């Protein structure tokens, strides 16, 4: 009788355990979001340089992952912007900047964002150099 009761208890609790693990996987996938880099001809990257610090920049394939310290919360929109003008050099260089609205509820928060940057690559050249404020140039 005890074995049957134990078995019934296990089968009754099994759906609850499985449903909980599924929701954890869902939240992990939601956190990994890749944004597209934006090309805006009117963007002035030097206008808000004092609002953020790029702590780390990693490029893998066409995805640039940035660790940023700024007055933004984890759910705030942070755009990677390029004004479309390449420096006339070999290889061509693209100056990138960030655009966001400061959120004083999250002062000096460190966040990570990933951006798909294939639209920034200079056509007709194998390499484009990405320039990010306060970081070493990145070959793309």
C-alpha atoms as a PDB file:
ATOM      1  CA  UNK A   1       0.000   0.000   0.000  1.00  0.00           C
ATOM      2  CA  UNK A   2       2.826   2.430   0.828  1.00  0.00           C
ATOM      3  CA  UNK A   3       4.497   1.786  -2.534  1.00  0.00           C
ATOM      4  CA  UNK A   4       1.271   2.611  -4.388  1.00  0.00           C
ATOM      5  CA  UNK A   5       0.828   5.836  -2.459  1.00  0.00           C
ATOM      6  CA  UNK A   6       4.420   6.863  -3.139  1.00  0.00           C
ATOM      7  CA  UNK A   7       4.054   6.043  -6.831  1.00  0.00           C
ATOM      8  CA  UNK A   8       0.829   8.052  -7.079  1.00  0.00           C
ATOM      9  CA  UNK A   9       2.490  11.010  -5.382  1.00  0.00           C
ATOM     10  CA  UNK A  10       5.401  10.911  -7.833  1.00  0.00           C
ATOM     11  CA  UNK A  11       3.109  10.762 -10.875  1.00  0.00           C
ATOM     12  CA  UNK A  12       0.970  13.623  -9.554  1.00  0.00           C
ATOM     13  CA  UNK A  13       3.951  15.909  -8.910  1.00  0.00           C
ATOM     14  CA  UNK A  14       5.776  15.081 -12.164  1.00  0.00           C
ATOM     15  CA  UNK A  15       3.732  17.470 -14.391  1.00  0.00           C
ATOM     16  CA  UNK A  16       4.409  20.349 -11.998  1.00  0.00           C
ATOM     17  CA  UNK A  17       8.148  19.704 -12.045  1.00  0.00           C
ATOM     18  CA  UNK A  18       8.242  19.483 -15.845  1.00  0.00           C
ATOM     19  CA  UNK A  19       6.193  22.630 -16.364  1.00  0.00           C
ATOM     20  CA  UNK A  20       8.517  24.596 -14.100  1.00  0.00           C
ATOM     21  CA  UNK A  21      11.644  23.527 -16.011  1.00  0.00           C
ATOM     22  CA  UNK A  22      10.066  24.552 -19.323  1.00  0.00           C
ATOM     23  CA  UNK A  23       9.383  28.064 -18.103  1.00  0.00           C
ATOM     24  CA  UNK A  24      13.018  28.454 -17.006  1.00  0.00           C
ATOM     25  CA  UNK A  25      14.224  27.516 -20.489  1.00  0.00           C
ATOM     26  CA  UNK A  26      11.825  30.007 -22.016  1.00  0.00           C
ATOM     27  CA  UNK A  27      13.163  32.897 -19.947  1.00  0.00           C
ATOM     28  CA  UNK A  28      16.772  32.034 -20.856  1.00  0.00           C
ATOM     29  CA  UNK A  29      15.903  32.138 -24.561  1.00  0.00           C
ATOM     30  CA  UNK A  30      14.074  35.440 -24.151  1.00  0.00           C
ATOM     31  CA  UNK A  31      17.196  37.031 -22.640  1.00  0.00           C
ATOM     32  CA  UNK A  32      19.272  36.240 -25.736  1.00  0.00           C
ATOM     33  CA  UNK A  33      18.020  38.837 -28.169  1.00  0.00           C
ATOM     34  CA  UNK A  34      19.941  40.104 -31.168  1.00  0.00           C
ATOM     35  CA  UNK A  35      19.124  43.603 -32.402  1.00  0.00           C
ATOM     36  CA  UNK A  36      19.917  44.972 -35.842  1.00  0.00           C
ATOM     37  CA  UNK A  37      22.444  47.781 -36.115  1.00  0.00           C
ATOM     38  CA  UNK A  38      20.801  50.972 -37.382  1.00  0.00           C
ATOM     39  CA  UNK A  39      22.045  53.210 -40.176  1.00  0.00           C
ATOM     40  CA  UNK A  40      20.907  56.797 -39.575  1.00  0.00           C
ATOM     41  CA  UNK A  41      22.472  59.494 -41.773  1.00  0.00           C
ATOM     42  CA  UNK A  42      21.703  62.194 -39.181  1.00  0.00           C
ATOM     43  CA  UNK A  43      23.352  60.360 -36.256  1.00  0.00           C
ATOM     44  CA  UNK A  44      26.203  62.186 -34.505  1.00  0.00           C
ATOM     45  CA  UNK A  45      28.093  59.588 -32.472  1.00  0.00           C
ATOM     46  CA  UNK A  46      29.957  62.241 -30.461  1.00  0.00           C
ATOM     47  CA  UNK A  47      26.755  63.835 -29.106  1.00  0.00           C
ATOM     48  CA  UNK A  48      26.272  61.389 -26.217  1.00  0.00           C
ATOM     49  CA  UNK A  49      29.721  59.874 -25.625  1.00  0.00           C
ATOM     50  CA  UNK A  50      29.667  60.905 -21.958  1.00  0.00           C
ATOM     51  CA  UNK A  51      26.483  58.870 -21.335  1.00  0.00           C
ATOM     52  CA  UNK A  52      28.083  55.426 -21.622  1.00  0.00           C
ATOM     53  CA  UNK A  53      31.236  53.351 -21.419  1.00  0.00           C
ATOM     54  CA  UNK A  54      31.742  50.245 -23.533  1.00  0.00           C
ATOM     55  CA  UNK A  55      33.451  47.803 -21.185  1.00  0.00           C
ATOM     56  CA  UNK A  56      33.864  44.950 -23.673  1.00  0.00           C
ATOM     57  CA  UNK A  57      33.250  44.313 -27.366  1.00  0.00           C
ATOM     58  CA  UNK A  58      33.322  40.859 -28.949  1.00  0.00           C
ATOM     59  CA  UNK A  59      32.698  40.167 -32.627  1.00  0.00           C
ATOM     60  CA  UNK A  60      31.792  36.660 -33.736  1.00  0.00           C
ATOM     61  CA  UNK A  61      30.661  36.171 -37.329  1.00  0.00           C
ATOM     62  CA  UNK A  62      28.323  39.140 -37.912  1.00  0.00           C
ATOM     63  CA  UNK A  63      27.224  39.544 -34.292  1.00  0.00           C
ATOM     64  CA  UNK A  64      28.791  42.226 -32.133  1.00  0.00           C
ATOM     65  CA  UNK A  65      28.245  41.741 -28.406  1.00  0.00           C
ATOM     66  CA  UNK A  66      28.800  44.800 -26.220  1.00  0.00           C
ATOM     67  CA  UNK A  67      29.009  45.089 -22.460  1.00  0.00           C
ATOM     68  CA  UNK A  68      27.921  48.628 -21.633  1.00  0.00           C
ATOM     69  CA  UNK A  69      27.876  50.731 -18.477  1.00  0.00           C
ATOM     70  CA  UNK A  70      25.227  53.442 -18.651  1.00  0.00           C
ATOM     71  CA  UNK A  71      22.155  54.881 -16.972  1.00  0.00           C
ATOM     72  CA  UNK A  72      19.855  52.278 -18.539  1.00  0.00           C
ATOM     73  CA  UNK A  73      17.821  49.409 -17.173  1.00  0.00           C
ATOM     74  CA  UNK A  74      18.002  45.861 -18.499  1.00  0.00           C
ATOM     75  CA  UNK A  75      14.794  46.212 -20.540  1.00  0.00           C
ATOM     76  CA  UNK A  76      15.602  49.644 -22.035  1.00  0.00           C
ATOM     77  CA  UNK A  77      16.169  50.027 -25.765  1.00  0.00           C
ATOM     78  CA  UNK A  78      19.845  50.612 -26.646  1.00  0.00           C
ATOM     79  CA  UNK A  79      20.571  51.051 -30.353  1.00  0.00           C
ATOM     80  CA  UNK A  80      23.898  50.564 -32.105  1.00  0.00           C
ATOM     81  CA  UNK A  81      23.992  53.280 -34.764  1.00  0.00           C
ATOM     82  CA  UNK A  82      26.183  54.009 -37.792  1.00  0.00           C
ATOM     83  CA  UNK A  83      25.754  57.201 -39.824  1.00  0.00           C
ATOM     84  CA  UNK A  84      26.702  55.517 -43.101  1.00  0.00           C
ATOM     85  CA  UNK A  85      29.936  57.481 -43.634  1.00  0.00           C
ATOM     86  CA  UNK A  86      33.120  55.427 -43.898  1.00  0.00           C
ATOM     87  CA  UNK A  87      36.543  56.951 -43.279  1.00  0.00           C
ATOM     88  CA  UNK A  88      38.540  56.976 -46.510  1.00  0.00           C
ATOM     89  CA  UNK A  89      41.249  54.535 -45.546  1.00  0.00           C
ATOM     90  CA  UNK A  90      42.305  51.018 -46.411  1.00  0.00           C
ATOM     91  CA  UNK A  91      40.584  49.122 -45.020  1.00  0.00           C
ATOM     92  CA  UNK A  92      37.560  51.437 -44.625  1.00  0.00           C
ATOM     93  CA  UNK A  93      36.602  52.432 -41.081  1.00  0.00           C
ATOM     94  CA  UNK A  94      33.118  52.823 -39.617  1.00  0.00           C
ATOM     95  CA  UNK A  95      32.569  54.874 -36.440  1.00  0.00           C
ATOM     96  CA  UNK A  96      29.743  53.378 -34.348  1.00  0.00           C
ATOM     97  CA  UNK A  97      27.903  54.801 -31.375  1.00  0.00           C
ATOM     98  CA  UNK A  98      25.033  54.040 -29.027  1.00  0.00           C
ATOM     99  CA  UNK A  99      21.688  55.791 -28.815  1.00  0.00           C
ATOM    100  CA  UNK A 100      19.303  55.444 -25.888  1.00  0.00           C
ATOM    101  CA  UNK A 101      17.270  57.429 -23.410  1.00  0.00           C
ATOM    102  CA  UNK A 102      18.933  57.653 -20.022  1.00  0.00           C
ATOM    103  CA  UNK A 103      16.993  56.046 -17.196  1.00  0.00           C
ATOM    104  CA  UNK A 104      17.983  57.452 -13.808  1.00  0.00           C
ATOM    105  CA  UNK A 105      16.338  54.487 -12.054  1.00  0.00           C
ATOM    106  CA  UNK A 106      19.327  52.384 -13.151  1.00  0.00           C
ATOM    107  CA  UNK A 107      22.428  54.511 -12.636  1.00  0.00           C
ATOM    108  CA  UNK A 108      25.700  53.046 -13.934  1.00  0.00           C
ATOM    109  CA  UNK A 109      24.054  49.723 -14.728  1.00  0.00           C
ATOM    110  CA  UNK A 110      26.109  47.176 -16.674  1.00  0.00           C
ATOM    111  CA  UNK A 111      24.180  45.488 -19.485  1.00  0.00           C
ATOM    112  CA  UNK A 112      25.048  43.262 -22.432  1.00  0.00           C
ATOM    113  CA  UNK A 113      23.547  43.702 -25.899  1.00  0.00           C
ATOM    114  CA  UNK A 114      24.129  41.813 -29.144  1.00  0.00           C
ATOM    115  CA  UNK A 115      23.791  43.398 -32.578  1.00  0.00           C
ATOM    116  CA  UNK A 116      23.661  41.935 -36.062  1.00  0.00           C
ATOM    117  CA  UNK A 117      26.023  44.213 -38.032  1.00  0.00           C
ATOM    118  CA  UNK A 118      26.266  42.804 -41.557  1.00  0.00           C
ATOM    119  CA  UNK A 119      24.569  45.962 -42.909  1.00  0.00           C
ATOM    120  CA  UNK A 120      27.607  47.995 -41.779  1.00  0.00           C
ATOM    121  CA  UNK A 121      30.183  46.052 -43.814  1.00  0.00           C
ATOM    122  CA  UNK A 122      31.738  48.130 -46.598  1.00  0.00           C
ATOM    123  CA  UNK A 123      30.790  46.603 -49.939  1.00  0.00           C
ATOM    124  CA  UNK A 124      33.682  45.858 -52.259  1.00  0.00           C
ATOM    125  CA  UNK A 125      36.208  45.310 -49.483  1.00  0.00           C
ATOM    126  CA  UNK A 126      36.967  42.175 -47.498  1.00  0.00           C
ATOM    127  CA  UNK A 127      37.601  44.013 -44.241  1.00  0.00           C
ATOM    128  CA  UNK A 128      35.883  46.884 -42.478  1.00  0.00           C
ATOM    129  CA  UNK A 129      37.345  48.346 -39.289  1.00  0.00           C
ATOM    130  CA  UNK A 130      34.764  49.083 -36.587  1.00  0.00           C
ATOM    131  CA  UNK A 131      35.558  52.005 -34.290  1.00  0.00           C
ATOM    132  CA  UNK A 132      33.861  52.031 -30.895  1.00  0.00           C
ATOM    133  CA  UNK A 133      34.442  54.787 -28.323  1.00  0.00           C
ATOM    134  CA  UNK A 134      37.142  53.834 -25.817  1.00  0.00           C
ATOM    135  CA  UNK A 135      37.897  50.468 -27.454  1.00  0.00           C
ATOM    136  CA  UNK A 136      40.489  49.014 -29.758  1.00  0.00           C
ATOM    137  CA  UNK A 137      39.458  48.891 -33.451  1.00  0.00           C
ATOM    138  CA  UNK A 138      37.760  45.646 -34.457  1.00  0.00           C
ATOM    139  CA  UNK A 139      38.342  44.016 -37.845  1.00  0.00           C
ATOM    140  CA  UNK A 140      35.130  42.832 -39.477  1.00  0.00           C
END
